[in-house]
Amino acid sequence: MQQRASICRALIHEPKMLLLDEPFGALDAFTREELWCTLRYLWQAQRFNVILVTHDLRESVFLADTVYVMSKSPGRFVVRRTIDLPRPRDLEITYTKHFTETVHELRGHIGAMRQPGAEVAP
């Protein structure tokens, strides 16, 4: 409930930009997905911009139009991936082949950065 209340407080004044830093990280999987859908619904109604920082690739692919993968310190963008899934997105999309392939593609970029001697693209 605290997460829902925090999102409501942030949206009550109808901002043009919402900055979210790991907003669903401490939640169980079912509550997290429920809040993904709540955020999606509010976005559809108000059309605000969102910058979402998350370590959950499924969350980023479900919610975002564009995902940026960052390197470790110093933090730099190493991959920019447009998410070409139709909107509105329902949770059922998370079980599709295209969704899973997109998540695995992003995970592959992260795995490649963790390899010894891996260079970060400019």
PDB file of N, CA and C in Angstrom:
ATOM      1  N   MET A   1       0.817  -1.196   0.000  1.00  0.00           N
ATOM      2  CA  MET A   1       0.000   0.000   0.000  1.00  0.00           C
ATOM      3  C   MET A   1       0.864   1.266   0.000  1.00  0.00           C
ATOM      4  N   GLN A   2       2.027   1.189   0.631  1.00  0.00           N
ATOM      5  CA  GLN A   2       2.892   2.364   0.656  1.00  0.00           C
ATOM      6  C   GLN A   2       3.350   2.749  -0.745  1.00  0.00           C
ATOM      7  N   GLN A   3       3.651   1.751  -1.569  1.00  0.00           N
ATOM      8  CA  GLN A   3       4.077   2.046  -2.935  1.00  0.00           C
ATOM      9  C   GLN A   3       2.945   2.703  -3.717  1.00  0.00           C
ATOM     10  N   ARG A   4       1.733   2.195  -3.563  1.00  0.00           N
ATOM     11  CA  ARG A   4       0.584   2.786  -4.246  1.00  0.00           C
ATOM     12  C   ARG A   4       0.384   4.223  -3.797  1.00  0.00           C
ATOM     13  N   ALA A   5       0.481   4.453  -2.481  1.00  0.00           N
ATOM     14  CA  ALA A   5       0.302   5.801  -1.945  1.00  0.00           C
ATOM     15  C   ALA A   5       1.389   6.744  -2.470  1.00  0.00           C
ATOM     16  N   SER A   6       2.613   6.250  -2.564  1.00  0.00           N
ATOM     17  CA  SER A   6       3.706   7.080  -3.077  1.00  0.00           C
ATOM     18  C   SER A   6       3.464   7.472  -4.530  1.00  0.00           C
ATOM     19  N   ILE A   7       3.019   6.522  -5.336  1.00  0.00           N
ATOM     20  CA  ILE A   7       2.730   6.820  -6.744  1.00  0.00           C
ATOM     21  C   ILE A   7       1.582   7.811  -6.841  1.00  0.00           C
ATOM     22  N   CYS A   8       0.552   7.620  -6.031  1.00  0.00           N
ATOM     23  CA  CYS A   8      -0.589   8.559  -6.044  1.00  0.00           C
ATOM     24  C   CYS A   8      -0.151   9.966  -5.656  1.00  0.00           C
ATOM     25  N   ARG A   9       0.686  10.070  -4.608  1.00  0.00           N
ATOM     26  CA  ARG A   9       1.174  11.396  -4.203  1.00  0.00           C
ATOM     27  C   ARG A   9       1.966  12.051  -5.330  1.00  0.00           C
ATOM     28  N   ALA A  10       2.738  11.249  -6.035  1.00  0.00           N
ATOM     29  CA  ALA A  10       3.549  11.794  -7.124  1.00  0.00           C
ATOM     30  C   ALA A  10       2.678  12.260  -8.291  1.00  0.00           C
ATOM     31  N   LEU A  11       1.549  11.609  -8.509  1.00  0.00           N
ATOM     32  CA  LEU A  11       0.714  11.905  -9.677  1.00  0.00           C
ATOM     33  C   LEU A  11      -0.444  12.855  -9.401  1.00  0.00           C
ATOM     34  N   ILE A  12      -0.678  13.194  -8.156  1.00  0.00           N
ATOM     35  CA  ILE A  12      -1.857  13.987  -7.812  1.00  0.00           C
ATOM     36  C   ILE A  12      -1.873  15.354  -8.494  1.00  0.00           C
ATOM     37  N   HIS A  13      -0.706  15.899  -8.753  1.00  0.00           N
ATOM     38  CA  HIS A  13      -0.617  17.224  -9.396  1.00  0.00           C
ATOM     39  C   HIS A  13      -0.416  17.124 -10.903  1.00  0.00           C
ATOM     40  N   GLU A  14      -0.617  15.928 -11.457  1.00  0.00           N
ATOM     41  CA  GLU A  14      -0.498  15.674 -12.883  1.00  0.00           C
ATOM     42  C   GLU A  14       0.826  16.191 -13.460  1.00  0.00           C
ATOM     43  N   PRO A  15       1.935  15.634 -12.981  1.00  0.00           N
ATOM     44  CA  PRO A  15       3.241  16.093 -13.478  1.00  0.00           C
ATOM     45  C   PRO A  15       3.448  15.681 -14.928  1.00  0.00           C
ATOM     46  N   LYS A  16       4.348  16.385 -15.596  1.00  0.00           N
ATOM     47  CA  LYS A  16       4.713  16.028 -16.961  1.00  0.00           C
ATOM     48  C   LYS A  16       5.822  14.985 -16.971  1.00  0.00           C
ATOM     49  N   MET A  17       6.558  14.882 -15.865  1.00  0.00           N
ATOM     50  CA  MET A  17       7.679  13.949 -15.759  1.00  0.00           C
ATOM     51  C   MET A  17       7.614  13.257 -14.404  1.00  0.00           C
ATOM     52  N   LEU A  18       7.803  11.948 -14.419  1.00  0.00           N
ATOM     53  CA  LEU A  18       7.830  11.152 -13.200  1.00  0.00           C
ATOM     54  C   LEU A  18       9.149  10.396 -13.170  1.00  0.00           C
ATOM     55  N   LEU A  19       9.906  10.555 -12.101  1.00  0.00           N
ATOM     56  CA  LEU A  19      11.179   9.865 -11.941  1.00  0.00           C
ATOM     57  C   LEU A  19      10.991   8.765 -10.904  1.00  0.00           C
ATOM     58  N   LEU A  20      11.223   7.528 -11.294  1.00  0.00           N
ATOM     59  CA  LEU A  20      11.021   6.387 -10.404  1.00  0.00           C
ATOM     60  C   LEU A  20      12.324   5.602 -10.285  1.00  0.00           C
ATOM     61  N   ASP A  21      12.808   5.455  -9.067  1.00  0.00           N
ATOM     62  CA  ASP A  21      14.048   4.726  -8.810  1.00  0.00           C
ATOM     63  C   ASP A  21      13.714   3.454  -8.039  1.00  0.00           C
ATOM     64  N   GLU A  22      13.740   2.312  -8.732  1.00  0.00           N
ATOM     65  CA  GLU A  22      13.423   1.010  -8.147  1.00  0.00           C
ATOM     66  C   GLU A  22      12.115   1.048  -7.342  1.00  0.00           C
ATOM     67  N   PRO A  23      11.025   1.549  -7.932  1.00  0.00           N
ATOM     68  CA  PRO A  23       9.797   1.730  -7.153  1.00  0.00           C
ATOM     69  C   PRO A  23       9.125   0.427  -6.727  1.00  0.00           C
ATOM     70  N   PHE A  24       9.415  -0.675  -7.415  1.00  0.00           N
ATOM     71  CA  PHE A  24       8.724  -1.931  -7.116  1.00  0.00           C
ATOM     72  C   PHE A  24       9.685  -3.009  -6.601  1.00  0.00           C
ATOM     73  N   GLY A  25      10.912  -2.626  -6.328  1.00  0.00           N
ATOM     74  CA  GLY A  25      11.953  -3.588  -5.978  1.00  0.00           C
ATOM     75  C   GLY A  25      11.692  -4.391  -4.714  1.00  0.00           C
ATOM     76  N   ALA A  26      11.037  -3.816  -3.731  1.00  0.00           N
ATOM     77  CA  ALA A  26      10.848  -4.498  -2.449  1.00  0.00           C
ATOM     78  C   ALA A  26       9.535  -5.268  -2.367  1.00  0.00           C
ATOM     79  N   LEU A  27       8.866  -5.430  -3.493  1.00  0.00           N
ATOM     80  CA  LEU A  27       7.543  -6.055  -3.494  1.00  0.00           C
ATOM     81  C   LEU A  27       7.608  -7.501  -3.981  1.00  0.00           C
ATOM     82  N   ASP A  28       6.616  -8.285  -3.587  1.00  0.00           N
ATOM     83  CA  ASP A  28       6.528  -9.637  -4.105  1.00  0.00           C
ATOM     84  C   ASP A  28       6.115  -9.572  -5.578  1.00  0.00           C
ATOM     85  N   ALA A  29       6.312 -10.660  -6.293  1.00  0.00           N
ATOM     86  CA  ALA A  29       6.108 -10.680  -7.744  1.00  0.00           C
ATOM     87  C   ALA A  29       4.691 -10.309  -8.155  1.00  0.00           C
ATOM     88  N   PHE A  30       3.700 -10.796  -7.440  1.00  0.00           N
ATOM     89  CA  PHE A  30       2.312 -10.517  -7.824  1.00  0.00           C
ATOM     90  C   PHE A  30       1.947  -9.053  -7.607  1.00  0.00           C
ATOM     91  N   THR A  31       2.380  -8.489  -6.476  1.00  0.00           N
ATOM     92  CA  THR A  31       2.098  -7.076  -6.205  1.00  0.00           C
ATOM     93  C   THR A  31       2.850  -6.195  -7.196  1.00  0.00           C
ATOM     94  N   ARG A  32       4.081  -6.585  -7.504  1.00  0.00           N
ATOM     95  CA  ARG A  32       4.882  -5.830  -8.468  1.00  0.00           C
ATOM     96  C   ARG A  32       4.161  -5.764  -9.816  1.00  0.00           C
ATOM     97  N   GLU A  33       3.700  -6.900 -10.309  1.00  0.00           N
ATOM     98  CA  GLU A  33       3.004  -6.913 -11.600  1.00  0.00           C
ATOM     99  C   GLU A  33       1.697  -6.132 -11.538  1.00  0.00           C
ATOM    100  N   GLU A  34       1.009  -6.177 -10.398  1.00  0.00           N
ATOM    101  CA  GLU A  34      -0.216  -5.395 -10.239  1.00  0.00           C
ATOM    102  C   GLU A  34       0.093  -3.899 -10.343  1.00  0.00           C
ATOM    103  N   LEU A  35       1.195  -3.489  -9.745  1.00  0.00           N
ATOM    104  CA  LEU A  35       1.569  -2.073  -9.816  1.00  0.00           C
ATOM    105  C   LEU A  35       2.090  -1.682 -11.189  1.00  0.00           C
ATOM    106  N   TRP A  36       2.688  -2.614 -11.915  1.00  0.00           N
ATOM    107  CA  TRP A  36       3.035  -2.327 -13.315  1.00  0.00           C
ATOM    108  C   TRP A  36       1.771  -1.931 -14.055  1.00  0.00           C
ATOM    109  N   CYS A  37       0.713  -2.696 -13.840  1.00  0.00           N
ATOM    110  CA  CYS A  37      -0.550  -2.435 -14.542  1.00  0.00           C
ATOM    111  C   CYS A  37      -1.191  -1.140 -14.067  1.00  0.00           C
ATOM    112  N   THR A  38      -1.051  -0.829 -12.790  1.00  0.00           N
ATOM    113  CA  THR A  38      -1.567   0.440 -12.266  1.00  0.00           C
ATOM    114  C   THR A  38      -0.840   1.611 -12.914  1.00  0.00           C
ATOM    115  N   LEU A  39       0.479   1.519 -12.973  1.00  0.00           N
ATOM    116  CA  LEU A  39       1.265   2.580 -13.600  1.00  0.00           C
ATOM    117  C   LEU A  39       0.909   2.702 -15.079  1.00  0.00           C
ATOM    118  N   ARG A  40       0.757   1.569 -15.755  1.00  0.00           N
ATOM    119  CA  ARG A  40       0.358   1.576 -17.163  1.00  0.00           C
ATOM    120  C   ARG A  40      -0.992   2.269 -17.345  1.00  0.00           C
ATOM    121  N   TYR A  41      -1.946   1.965 -16.494  1.00  0.00           N
ATOM    122  CA  TYR A  41      -3.271   2.578 -16.559  1.00  0.00           C
ATOM    123  C   TYR A  41      -3.188   4.089 -16.338  1.00  0.00           C
ATOM    124  N   LEU A  42      -2.434   4.511 -15.326  1.00  0.00           N
ATOM    125  CA  LEU A  42      -2.299   5.945 -15.045  1.00  0.00           C
ATOM    126  C   LEU A  42      -1.596   6.665 -16.190  1.00  0.00           C
ATOM    127  N   TRP A  43      -0.599   6.011 -16.777  1.00  0.00           N
ATOM    128  CA  TRP A  43       0.101   6.608 -17.912  1.00  0.00           C
ATOM    129  C   TRP A  43      -0.856   6.784 -19.088  1.00  0.00           C
ATOM    130  N   GLN A  44      -1.699   5.783 -19.338  1.00  0.00           N
ATOM    131  CA  GLN A  44      -2.663   5.881 -20.437  1.00  0.00           C
ATOM    132  C   GLN A  44      -3.623   7.047 -20.217  1.00  0.00           C
ATOM    133  N   ALA A  45      -3.983   7.288 -18.977  1.00  0.00           N
ATOM    134  CA  ALA A  45      -4.935   8.350 -18.661  1.00  0.00           C
ATOM    135  C   ALA A  45      -4.297   9.732 -18.712  1.00  0.00           C
ATOM    136  N   GLN A  46      -3.042   9.851 -18.260  1.00  0.00           N
ATOM    137  CA  GLN A  46      -2.430  11.174 -18.102  1.00  0.00           C
ATOM    138  C   GLN A  46      -1.298  11.472 -19.076  1.00  0.00           C
ATOM    139  N   ARG A  47      -0.702  10.458 -19.690  1.00  0.00           N
ATOM    140  CA  ARG A  47       0.376  10.604 -20.678  1.00  0.00           C
ATOM    141  C   ARG A  47       1.555  11.439 -20.185  1.00  0.00           C
ATOM    142  N   PHE A  48       2.026  11.162 -18.983  1.00  0.00           N
ATOM    143  CA  PHE A  48       3.223  11.802 -18.453  1.00  0.00           C
ATOM    144  C   PHE A  48       4.444  11.029 -18.923  1.00  0.00           C
ATOM    145  N   ASN A  49       5.601  11.649 -18.883  1.00  0.00           N
ATOM    146  CA  ASN A  49       6.859  10.982 -19.213  1.00  0.00           C
ATOM    147  C   ASN A  49       7.377  10.297 -17.956  1.00  0.00           C
ATOM    148  N   VAL A  50       8.022   9.170 -18.126  1.00  0.00           N
ATOM    149  CA  VAL A  50       8.554   8.421 -16.989  1.00  0.00           C
ATOM    150  C   VAL A  50       9.999   8.043 -17.260  1.00  0.00           C
ATOM    151  N   ILE A  51      10.842   8.276 -16.280  1.00  0.00           N
ATOM    152  CA  ILE A  51      12.190   7.713 -16.272  1.00  0.00           C
ATOM    153  C   ILE A  51      12.187   6.716 -15.133  1.00  0.00           C
ATOM    154  N   LEU A  52      12.371   5.453 -15.489  1.00  0.00           N
ATOM    155  CA  LEU A  52      12.300   4.356 -14.528  1.00  0.00           C
ATOM    156  C   LEU A  52      13.666   3.705 -14.414  1.00  0.00           C
ATOM    157  N   VAL A  53      14.227   3.718 -13.227  1.00  0.00           N
ATOM    158  CA  VAL A  53      15.485   3.020 -12.968  1.00  0.00           C
ATOM    159  C   VAL A  53      15.117   1.689 -12.326  1.00  0.00           C
ATOM    160  N   THR A  54      15.580   0.604 -12.923  1.00  0.00           N
ATOM    161  CA  THR A  54      15.259  -0.717 -12.405  1.00  0.00           C
ATOM    162  C   THR A  54      16.347  -1.716 -12.778  1.00  0.00           C
ATOM    163  N   HIS A  55      16.454  -2.762 -11.976  1.00  0.00           N
ATOM    164  CA  HIS A  55      17.332  -3.877 -12.306  1.00  0.00           C
ATOM    165  C   HIS A  55      16.527  -5.041 -12.881  1.00  0.00           C
ATOM    166  N   ASP A  56      15.223  -4.880 -12.967  1.00  0.00           N
ATOM    167  CA  ASP A  56      14.318  -5.933 -13.436  1.00  0.00           C
ATOM    168  C   ASP A  56      14.075  -5.758 -14.932  1.00  0.00           C
ATOM    169  N   LEU A  57      14.699  -6.615 -15.732  1.00  0.00           N
ATOM    170  CA  LEU A  57      14.574  -6.491 -17.185  1.00  0.00           C
ATOM    171  C   LEU A  57      13.145  -6.720 -17.657  1.00  0.00           C
ATOM    172  N   ARG A  58      12.426  -7.639 -17.039  1.00  0.00           N
ATOM    173  CA  ARG A  58      11.024  -7.868 -17.407  1.00  0.00           C
ATOM    174  C   ARG A  58      10.212  -6.597 -17.173  1.00  0.00           C
ATOM    175  N   GLU A  59      10.454  -5.939 -16.054  1.00  0.00           N
ATOM    176  CA  GLU A  59       9.762  -4.691 -15.730  1.00  0.00           C
ATOM    177  C   GLU A  59      10.051  -3.621 -16.777  1.00  0.00           C
ATOM    178  N   SER A  60      11.299  -3.498 -17.156  1.00  0.00           N
ATOM    179  CA  SER A  60      11.656  -2.467 -18.135  1.00  0.00           C
ATOM    180  C   SER A  60      11.022  -2.747 -19.493  1.00  0.00           C
ATOM    181  N   VAL A  61      11.021  -4.015 -19.914  1.00  0.00           N
ATOM    182  CA  VAL A  61      10.446  -4.349 -21.221  1.00  0.00           C
ATOM    183  C   VAL A  61       8.928  -4.177 -21.194  1.00  0.00           C
ATOM    184  N   PHE A  62       8.283  -4.516 -20.085  1.00  0.00           N
ATOM    185  CA  PHE A  62       6.834  -4.376 -19.990  1.00  0.00           C
ATOM    186  C   PHE A  62       6.411  -2.901 -19.990  1.00  0.00           C
ATOM    187  N   LEU A  63       7.138  -2.059 -19.267  1.00  0.00           N
ATOM    188  CA  LEU A  63       6.694  -0.675 -19.066  1.00  0.00           C
ATOM    189  C   LEU A  63       7.243   0.319 -20.083  1.00  0.00           C
ATOM    190  N   ALA A  64       8.403   0.063 -20.644  1.00  0.00           N
ATOM    191  CA  ALA A  64       9.107   1.096 -21.395  1.00  0.00           C
ATOM    192  C   ALA A  64       8.856   1.064 -22.892  1.00  0.00           C
ATOM    193  N   ASP A  65       9.073   2.215 -23.509  1.00  0.00           N
ATOM    194  CA  ASP A  65       9.153   2.319 -24.959  1.00  0.00           C
ATOM    195  C   ASP A  65      10.596   2.188 -25.409  1.00  0.00           C
ATOM    196  N   THR A  66      11.518   2.634 -24.550  1.00  0.00           N
ATOM    197  CA  THR A  66      12.948   2.550 -24.828  1.00  0.00           C
ATOM    198  C   THR A  66      13.655   2.120 -23.553  1.00  0.00           C
ATOM    199  N   VAL A  67      14.570   1.161 -23.673  1.00  0.00           N
ATOM    200  CA  VAL A  67      15.359   0.694 -22.541  1.00  0.00           C
ATOM    201  C   VAL A  67      16.815   1.038 -22.814  1.00  0.00           C
ATOM    202  N   TYR A  68      17.459   1.613 -21.807  1.00  0.00           N
ATOM    203  CA  TYR A  68      18.890   1.889 -21.857  1.00  0.00           C
ATOM    204  C   TYR A  68      19.569   0.984 -20.839  1.00  0.00           C
ATOM    205  N   VAL A  69      20.581   0.256 -21.267  1.00  0.00           N
ATOM    206  CA  VAL A  69      21.371  -0.568 -20.366  1.00  0.00           C
ATOM    207  C   VAL A  69      22.626   0.227 -20.036  1.00  0.00           C
ATOM    208  N   MET A  70      22.934   0.272 -18.737  1.00  0.00           N
ATOM    209  CA  MET A  70      24.091   1.050 -18.289  1.00  0.00           C
ATOM    210  C   MET A  70      25.208   0.142 -17.807  1.00  0.00           C
ATOM    211  N   SER A  71      26.431   0.650 -17.917  1.00  0.00           N
ATOM    212  CA  SER A  71      27.603  -0.047 -17.408  1.00  0.00           C
ATOM    213  C   SER A  71      27.762   0.263 -15.919  1.00  0.00           C
ATOM    214  N   LYS A  72      28.673  -0.487 -15.290  1.00  0.00           N
ATOM    215  CA  LYS A  72      29.042  -0.156 -13.920  1.00  0.00           C
ATOM    216  C   LYS A  72      29.862   1.135 -13.953  1.00  0.00           C
ATOM    217  N   SER A  73      30.335   1.527 -12.796  1.00  0.00           N
ATOM    218  CA  SER A  73      31.084   2.771 -12.647  1.00  0.00           C
ATOM    219  C   SER A  73      32.232   2.847 -13.629  1.00  0.00           C
ATOM    220  N   PRO A  74      32.385   3.935 -14.306  1.00  0.00           N
ATOM    221  CA  PRO A  74      31.413   5.027 -14.329  1.00  0.00           C
ATOM    222  C   PRO A  74      30.205   4.636 -15.174  1.00  0.00           C
ATOM    223  N   GLY A  75      29.031   4.945 -14.687  1.00  0.00           N
ATOM    224  CA  GLY A  75      27.797   4.578 -15.376  1.00  0.00           C
ATOM    225  C   GLY A  75      27.674   5.269 -16.723  1.00  0.00           C
ATOM    226  N   ARG A  76      27.593   4.452 -17.768  1.00  0.00           N
ATOM    227  CA  ARG A  76      27.426   4.973 -19.128  1.00  0.00           C
ATOM    228  C   ARG A  76      26.380   4.122 -19.826  1.00  0.00           C
ATOM    229  N   PHE A  77      25.665   4.743 -20.750  1.00  0.00           N
ATOM    230  CA  PHE A  77      24.729   3.988 -21.566  1.00  0.00           C
ATOM    231  C   PHE A  77      25.522   3.151 -22.557  1.00  0.00           C
ATOM    232  N   VAL A  78      25.264   1.849 -22.574  1.00  0.00           N
ATOM    233  CA  VAL A  78      25.984   0.976 -23.490  1.00  0.00           C
ATOM    234  C   VAL A  78      25.061   0.375 -24.546  1.00  0.00           C
ATOM    235  N   VAL A  79      23.768   0.330 -24.267  1.00  0.00           N
ATOM    236  CA  VAL A  79      22.801  -0.206 -25.218  1.00  0.00           C
ATOM    237  C   VAL A  79      21.531   0.624 -25.126  1.00  0.00           C
ATOM    238  N   ARG A  80      20.996   0.956 -26.285  1.00  0.00           N
ATOM    239  CA  ARG A  80      19.680   1.594 -26.374  1.00  0.00           C
ATOM    240  C   ARG A  80      18.812   0.661 -27.194  1.00  0.00           C
ATOM    241  N   ARG A  81      17.694   0.224 -26.611  1.00  0.00           N
ATOM    242  CA  ARG A  81      16.824  -0.743 -27.292  1.00  0.00           C
ATOM    243  C   ARG A  81      15.396  -0.213 -27.296  1.00  0.00           C
ATOM    244  N   THR A  82      14.849   0.022 -28.482  1.00  0.00           N
ATOM    245  CA  THR A  82      13.449   0.390 -28.621  1.00  0.00           C
ATOM    246  C   THR A  82      12.613  -0.864 -28.411  1.00  0.00           C
ATOM    247  N   ILE A  83      11.580  -0.759 -27.601  1.00  0.00           N
ATOM    248  CA  ILE A  83      10.699  -1.885 -27.320  1.00  0.00           C
ATOM    249  C   ILE A  83       9.520  -1.796 -28.277  1.00  0.00           C
ATOM    250  N   ASP A  84       9.436  -2.761 -29.160  1.00  0.00           N
ATOM    251  CA  ASP A  84       8.434  -2.723 -30.224  1.00  0.00           C
ATOM    252  C   ASP A  84       7.253  -3.643 -29.930  1.00  0.00           C
ATOM    253  N   LEU A  85       6.774  -3.596 -28.706  1.00  0.00           N
ATOM    254  CA  LEU A  85       5.589  -4.355 -28.321  1.00  0.00           C
ATOM    255  C   LEU A  85       4.380  -3.425 -28.370  1.00  0.00           C
ATOM    256  N   PRO A  86       3.232  -3.940 -28.801  1.00  0.00           N
ATOM    257  CA  PRO A  86       2.052  -3.074 -28.921  1.00  0.00           C
ATOM    258  C   PRO A  86       1.560  -2.590 -27.557  1.00  0.00           C
ATOM    259  N   ARG A  87       0.927  -1.434 -27.564  1.00  0.00           N
ATOM    260  CA  ARG A  87       0.285  -0.879 -26.362  1.00  0.00           C
ATOM    261  C   ARG A  87      -1.208  -0.858 -26.587  1.00  0.00           C
ATOM    262  N   PRO A  88      -1.993  -1.002 -25.551  1.00  0.00           N
ATOM    263  CA  PRO A  88      -1.603  -1.252 -24.163  1.00  0.00           C
ATOM    264  C   PRO A  88      -1.115  -2.689 -23.991  1.00  0.00           C
ATOM    265  N   ARG A  89      -0.187  -2.858 -23.059  1.00  0.00           N
ATOM    266  CA  ARG A  89       0.393  -4.171 -22.799  1.00  0.00           C
ATOM    267  C   ARG A  89      -0.300  -4.810 -21.596  1.00  0.00           C
ATOM    268  N   ASP A  90      -0.762  -6.020 -21.788  1.00  0.00           N
ATOM    269  CA  ASP A  90      -1.330  -6.791 -20.694  1.00  0.00           C
ATOM    270  C   ASP A  90      -0.278  -7.765 -20.201  1.00  0.00           C
ATOM    271  N   LEU A  91      -0.451  -8.248 -18.987  1.00  0.00           N
ATOM    272  CA  LEU A  91       0.536  -9.158 -18.411  1.00  0.00           C
ATOM    273  C   LEU A  91       0.751 -10.409 -19.246  1.00  0.00           C
ATOM    274  N   GLU A  92      -0.260 -10.805 -20.011  1.00  0.00           N
ATOM    275  CA  GLU A  92      -0.120 -11.992 -20.843  1.00  0.00           C
ATOM    276  C   GLU A  92       1.020 -11.852 -21.848  1.00  0.00           C
ATOM    277  N   ILE A  93       1.359 -10.616 -22.205  1.00  0.00           N
ATOM    278  CA  ILE A  93       2.441 -10.406 -23.175  1.00  0.00           C
ATOM    279  C   ILE A  93       3.778 -10.887 -22.621  1.00  0.00           C
ATOM    280  N   THR A  94       3.904 -10.933 -21.282  1.00  0.00           N
ATOM    281  CA  THR A  94       5.165 -11.358 -20.675  1.00  0.00           C
ATOM    282  C   THR A  94       5.457 -12.835 -20.902  1.00  0.00           C
ATOM    283  N   TYR A  95       4.462 -13.575 -21.396  1.00  0.00           N
ATOM    284  CA  TYR A  95       4.639 -15.000 -21.673  1.00  0.00           C
ATOM    285  C   TYR A  95       4.858 -15.282 -23.162  1.00  0.00           C
ATOM    286  N   THR A  96       4.954 -14.230 -23.964  1.00  0.00           N
ATOM    287  CA  THR A  96       5.122 -14.424 -25.400  1.00  0.00           C
ATOM    288  C   THR A  96       6.598 -14.597 -25.758  1.00  0.00           C
ATOM    289  N   LYS A  97       6.819 -15.209 -26.898  1.00  0.00           N
ATOM    290  CA  LYS A  97       8.180 -15.443 -27.380  1.00  0.00           C
ATOM    291  C   LYS A  97       8.913 -14.122 -27.621  1.00  0.00           C
ATOM    292  N   HIS A  98       8.237 -13.149 -28.228  1.00  0.00           N
ATOM    293  CA  HIS A  98       8.888 -11.868 -28.542  1.00  0.00           C
ATOM    294  C   HIS A  98       9.327 -11.141 -27.265  1.00  0.00           C
ATOM    295  N   PHE A  99       8.474 -11.143 -26.250  1.00  0.00           N
ATOM    296  CA  PHE A  99       8.809 -10.507 -24.967  1.00  0.00           C
ATOM    297  C   PHE A  99      10.040 -11.188 -24.366  1.00  0.00           C
ATOM    298  N   THR A 100      10.000 -12.511 -24.307  1.00  0.00           N
ATOM    299  CA  THR A 100      11.097 -13.276 -23.711  1.00  0.00           C
ATOM    300  C   THR A 100      12.397 -13.066 -24.480  1.00  0.00           C
ATOM    301  N   GLU A 101      12.321 -13.045 -25.794  1.00  0.00           N
ATOM    302  CA  GLU A 101      13.519 -12.812 -26.605  1.00  0.00           C
ATOM    303  C   GLU A 101      14.106 -11.430 -26.344  1.00  0.00           C
ATOM    304  N   THR A 102      13.252 -10.440 -26.172  1.00  0.00           N
ATOM    305  CA  THR A 102      13.722  -9.078 -25.889  1.00  0.00           C
ATOM    306  C   THR A 102      14.437  -9.028 -24.545  1.00  0.00           C
ATOM    307  N   VAL A 103      13.849  -9.649 -23.528  1.00  0.00           N
ATOM    308  CA  VAL A 103      14.481  -9.700 -22.200  1.00  0.00           C
ATOM    309  C   VAL A 103      15.827 -10.414 -22.295  1.00  0.00           C
ATOM    310  N   HIS A 104      15.882 -11.531 -23.000  1.00  0.00           N
ATOM    311  CA  HIS A 104      17.136 -12.287 -23.130  1.00  0.00           C
ATOM    312  C   HIS A 104      18.193 -11.506 -23.911  1.00  0.00           C
ATOM    313  N   GLU A 105      17.757 -10.763 -24.914  1.00  0.00           N
ATOM    314  CA  GLU A 105      18.703  -9.923 -25.658  1.00  0.00           C
ATOM    315  C   GLU A 105      19.357  -8.905 -24.726  1.00  0.00           C
ATOM    316  N   LEU A 106      18.553  -8.227 -23.920  1.00  0.00           N
ATOM    317  CA  LEU A 106      19.087  -7.240 -22.973  1.00  0.00           C
ATOM    318  C   LEU A 106      19.990  -7.907 -21.943  1.00  0.00           C
ATOM    319  N   ARG A 107      19.583  -9.069 -21.453  1.00  0.00           N
ATOM    320  CA  ARG A 107      20.401  -9.804 -20.488  1.00  0.00           C
ATOM    321  C   ARG A 107      21.750 -10.183 -21.109  1.00  0.00           C
ATOM    322  N   GLY A 108      21.740 -10.501 -22.385  1.00  0.00           N
ATOM    323  CA  GLY A 108      22.979 -10.828 -23.081  1.00  0.00           C
ATOM    324  C   GLY A 108      23.950  -9.658 -23.102  1.00  0.00           C
ATOM    325  N   HIS A 109      23.433  -8.453 -23.281  1.00  0.00           N
ATOM    326  CA  HIS A 109      24.299  -7.267 -23.258  1.00  0.00           C
ATOM    327  C   HIS A 109      24.925  -7.088 -21.880  1.00  0.00           C
ATOM    328  N   ILE A 110      24.149  -7.331 -20.847  1.00  0.00           N
ATOM    329  CA  ILE A 110      24.673  -7.203 -19.480  1.00  0.00           C
ATOM    330  C   ILE A 110      25.718  -8.277 -19.227  1.00  0.00           C
ATOM    331  N   GLY A 111      25.434  -9.501 -19.649  1.00  0.00           N
ATOM    332  CA  GLY A 111      26.395 -10.586 -19.483  1.00  0.00           C
ATOM    333  C   GLY A 111      27.699 -10.311 -20.209  1.00  0.00           C
ATOM    334  N   ALA A 112      27.609  -9.743 -21.403  1.00  0.00           N
ATOM    335  CA  ALA A 112      28.816  -9.423 -22.182  1.00  0.00           C
ATOM    336  C   ALA A 112      29.671  -8.379 -21.475  1.00  0.00           C
ATOM    337  N   MET A 113      29.019  -7.420 -20.806  1.00  0.00           N
ATOM    338  CA  MET A 113      29.771  -6.389 -20.088  1.00  0.00           C
ATOM    339  C   MET A 113      30.510  -6.964 -18.882  1.00  0.00           C
ATOM    340  N   ARG A 114      30.015  -8.067 -18.346  1.00  0.00           N
ATOM    341  CA  ARG A 114      30.625  -8.658 -17.164  1.00  0.00           C
ATOM    342  C   ARG A 114      31.815  -9.539 -17.498  1.00  0.00           C
ATOM    343  N   GLN A 115      32.040  -9.827 -18.762  1.00  0.00           N
ATOM    344  CA  GLN A 115      33.163 -10.665 -19.176  1.00  0.00           C
ATOM    345  C   GLN A 115      34.473  -9.929 -18.943  1.00  0.00           C
ATOM    346  N   PRO A 116      35.496 -10.642 -18.488  1.00  0.00           N
ATOM    347  CA  PRO A 116      36.812  -9.998 -18.286  1.00  0.00           C
ATOM    348  C   PRO A 116      37.292  -9.371 -19.589  1.00  0.00           C
ATOM    349  N   GLY A 117      37.751  -8.141 -19.499  1.00  0.00           N
ATOM    350  CA  GLY A 117      38.300  -7.445 -20.660  1.00  0.00           C
ATOM    351  C   GLY A 117      37.248  -6.861 -21.587  1.00  0.00           C
ATOM    352  N   ALA A 118      35.971  -6.938 -21.192  1.00  0.00           N
ATOM    353  CA  ALA A 118      34.916  -6.385 -22.051  1.00  0.00           C
ATOM    354  C   ALA A 118      35.037  -4.886 -22.105  1.00  0.00           C
ATOM    355  N   GLU A 119      34.917  -4.377 -23.316  1.00  0.00           N
ATOM    356  CA  GLU A 119      34.970  -2.929 -23.495  1.00  0.00           C
ATOM    357  C   GLU A 119      33.567  -2.388 -23.629  1.00  0.00           C
ATOM    358  N   VAL A 120      33.370  -1.210 -23.067  1.00  0.00           N
ATOM    359  CA  VAL A 120      32.070  -0.552 -23.118  1.00  0.00           C
ATOM    360  C   VAL A 120      32.018   0.296 -24.376  1.00  0.00           C
ATOM    361  N   ALA A 121      30.949   0.123 -25.142  1.00  0.00           N
ATOM    362  CA  ALA A 121      30.779   0.921 -26.365  1.00  0.00           C
ATOM    363  C   ALA A 121      30.544   2.379 -26.016  1.00  0.00           C
ATOM    364  N   PRO A 122      31.003   3.318 -26.853  1.00  0.00           N
ATOM    365  CA  PRO A 122      30.802   4.740 -26.561  1.00  0.00           C
ATOM    366  C   PRO A 122      29.357   5.138 -26.668  1.00  0.00           C
TER     367      PRO A 122
END
